[in-house]
């Protein structure tokens, strides 16, 4: 798990992979972009997501960077 997005309205959590990216956009919109070919990006408006938790070497707007931080595998 590189990062997890908690969705509102009891929809649970969505786990995303190492190559996936997340970004915080204007107005509190959360963008999630997937590395898998053919999988469209998801955009969650404020209130549709409650929290994002990422490993220390997975910064917003970038895929996970394995060259920094501890080895999580």
C-alpha atoms as a PDB file:
ATOM      1  CA  UNK A   1       0.000   0.000   0.000  1.00  0.00           C
ATOM      2  CA  UNK A   2       1.516   3.294  -1.056  1.00  0.00           C
ATOM      3  CA  UNK A   3      -1.415   5.452   0.032  1.00  0.00           C
ATOM      4  CA  UNK A   4      -4.989   5.065   1.215  1.00  0.00           C
ATOM      5  CA  UNK A   5      -7.954   7.363   0.613  1.00  0.00           C
ATOM      6  CA  UNK A   6     -10.814   7.255   3.125  1.00  0.00           C
ATOM      7  CA  UNK A   7     -14.114   8.030   1.477  1.00  0.00           C
ATOM      8  CA  UNK A   8     -17.075   9.626   3.241  1.00  0.00           C
ATOM      9  CA  UNK A   9     -20.570   8.206   3.711  1.00  0.00           C
ATOM     10  CA  UNK A  10     -19.219   4.904   5.082  1.00  0.00           C
ATOM     11  CA  UNK A  11     -17.827   3.872   1.684  1.00  0.00           C
ATOM     12  CA  UNK A  12     -14.660   2.661   3.359  1.00  0.00           C
ATOM     13  CA  UNK A  13     -11.093   3.077   2.225  1.00  0.00           C
ATOM     14  CA  UNK A  14      -9.465   2.753  -1.193  1.00  0.00           C
ATOM     15  CA  UNK A  15      -5.885   1.486  -1.246  1.00  0.00           C
ATOM     16  CA  UNK A  16      -3.689   2.670  -4.099  1.00  0.00           C
ATOM     17  CA  UNK A  17      -0.412   1.324  -5.440  1.00  0.00           C
ATOM     18  CA  UNK A  18       3.179   2.521  -5.608  1.00  0.00           C
ATOM     19  CA  UNK A  19       2.894   4.042  -9.086  1.00  0.00           C
ATOM     20  CA  UNK A  20      -0.449   5.738  -8.448  1.00  0.00           C
ATOM     21  CA  UNK A  21      -0.468   9.442  -7.584  1.00  0.00           C
ATOM     22  CA  UNK A  22      -2.669  11.748  -5.544  1.00  0.00           C
ATOM     23  CA  UNK A  23      -2.895  15.519  -5.544  1.00  0.00           C
ATOM     24  CA  UNK A  24      -4.812  18.171  -3.660  1.00  0.00           C
ATOM     25  CA  UNK A  25      -6.481  20.580  -6.071  1.00  0.00           C
ATOM     26  CA  UNK A  26      -8.066  24.009  -5.689  1.00  0.00           C
ATOM     27  CA  UNK A  27     -11.205  24.006  -3.577  1.00  0.00           C
ATOM     28  CA  UNK A  28     -10.325  20.830  -1.685  1.00  0.00           C
ATOM     29  CA  UNK A  29     -10.745  18.429  -4.612  1.00  0.00           C
ATOM     30  CA  UNK A  30      -8.657  15.257  -4.334  1.00  0.00           C
ATOM     31  CA  UNK A  31      -7.322  13.860  -7.613  1.00  0.00           C
ATOM     32  CA  UNK A  32      -6.190  10.225  -7.788  1.00  0.00           C
ATOM     33  CA  UNK A  33      -4.307   9.119 -10.901  1.00  0.00           C
ATOM     34  CA  UNK A  34      -3.597   5.453 -11.598  1.00  0.00           C
ATOM     35  CA  UNK A  35      -0.577   3.889 -13.283  1.00  0.00           C
ATOM     36  CA  UNK A  36      -2.680   1.048 -14.744  1.00  0.00           C
ATOM     37  CA  UNK A  37      -3.253   1.654 -18.486  1.00  0.00           C
ATOM     38  CA  UNK A  38      -6.869   2.382 -19.318  1.00  0.00           C
ATOM     39  CA  UNK A  39      -7.889   3.214 -15.747  1.00  0.00           C
ATOM     40  CA  UNK A  40      -9.268   6.727 -15.577  1.00  0.00           C
ATOM     41  CA  UNK A  41      -8.379   9.201 -12.855  1.00  0.00           C
ATOM     42  CA  UNK A  42     -10.787   9.782  -9.992  1.00  0.00           C
ATOM     43  CA  UNK A  43     -11.656  13.226  -8.638  1.00  0.00           C
ATOM     44  CA  UNK A  44     -13.343  13.507  -5.238  1.00  0.00           C
ATOM     45  CA  UNK A  45     -14.987  16.801  -4.224  1.00  0.00           C
ATOM     46  CA  UNK A  46     -14.730  18.064  -0.642  1.00  0.00           C
ATOM     47  CA  UNK A  47     -16.887  15.922   1.610  1.00  0.00           C
ATOM     48  CA  UNK A  48     -16.525  12.827  -0.592  1.00  0.00           C
ATOM     49  CA  UNK A  49     -13.141  12.056   0.971  1.00  0.00           C
ATOM     50  CA  UNK A  50     -12.131  12.451   4.586  1.00  0.00           C
ATOM     51  CA  UNK A  51      -8.437  11.569   4.781  1.00  0.00           C
ATOM     52  CA  UNK A  52      -5.363  10.473   2.842  1.00  0.00           C
ATOM     53  CA  UNK A  53      -2.574   8.449   4.465  1.00  0.00           C
ATOM     54  CA  UNK A  54       0.633   7.903   2.509  1.00  0.00           C
ATOM     55  CA  UNK A  55       3.962   6.269   3.187  1.00  0.00           C
ATOM     56  CA  UNK A  56       6.662   8.872   3.960  1.00  0.00           C
ATOM     57  CA  UNK A  57       8.265   8.494   0.530  1.00  0.00           C
ATOM     58  CA  UNK A  58       5.002   8.960  -1.402  1.00  0.00           C
ATOM     59  CA  UNK A  59       4.474  12.702  -1.740  1.00  0.00           C
ATOM     60  CA  UNK A  60       1.485  14.392  -3.398  1.00  0.00           C
ATOM     61  CA  UNK A  61       1.765  14.640  -7.173  1.00  0.00           C
ATOM     62  CA  UNK A  62       4.462  11.956  -7.458  1.00  0.00           C
ATOM     63  CA  UNK A  63       4.625   8.168  -7.598  1.00  0.00           C
ATOM     64  CA  UNK A  64       6.281   6.470  -4.647  1.00  0.00           C
ATOM     65  CA  UNK A  65      10.017   7.223  -4.531  1.00  0.00           C
ATOM     66  CA  UNK A  66      11.888   4.135  -3.359  1.00  0.00           C
ATOM     67  CA  UNK A  67      15.230   5.960  -3.432  1.00  0.00           C
ATOM     68  CA  UNK A  68      14.378   7.807  -0.188  1.00  0.00           C
ATOM     69  CA  UNK A  69      13.150   6.696   3.198  1.00  0.00           C
ATOM     70  CA  UNK A  70      13.041   3.223   4.712  1.00  0.00           C
ATOM     71  CA  UNK A  71      12.375   0.076   2.727  1.00  0.00           C
ATOM     72  CA  UNK A  72       8.728  -0.882   3.248  1.00  0.00           C
ATOM     73  CA  UNK A  73       8.892  -4.312   1.621  1.00  0.00           C
END
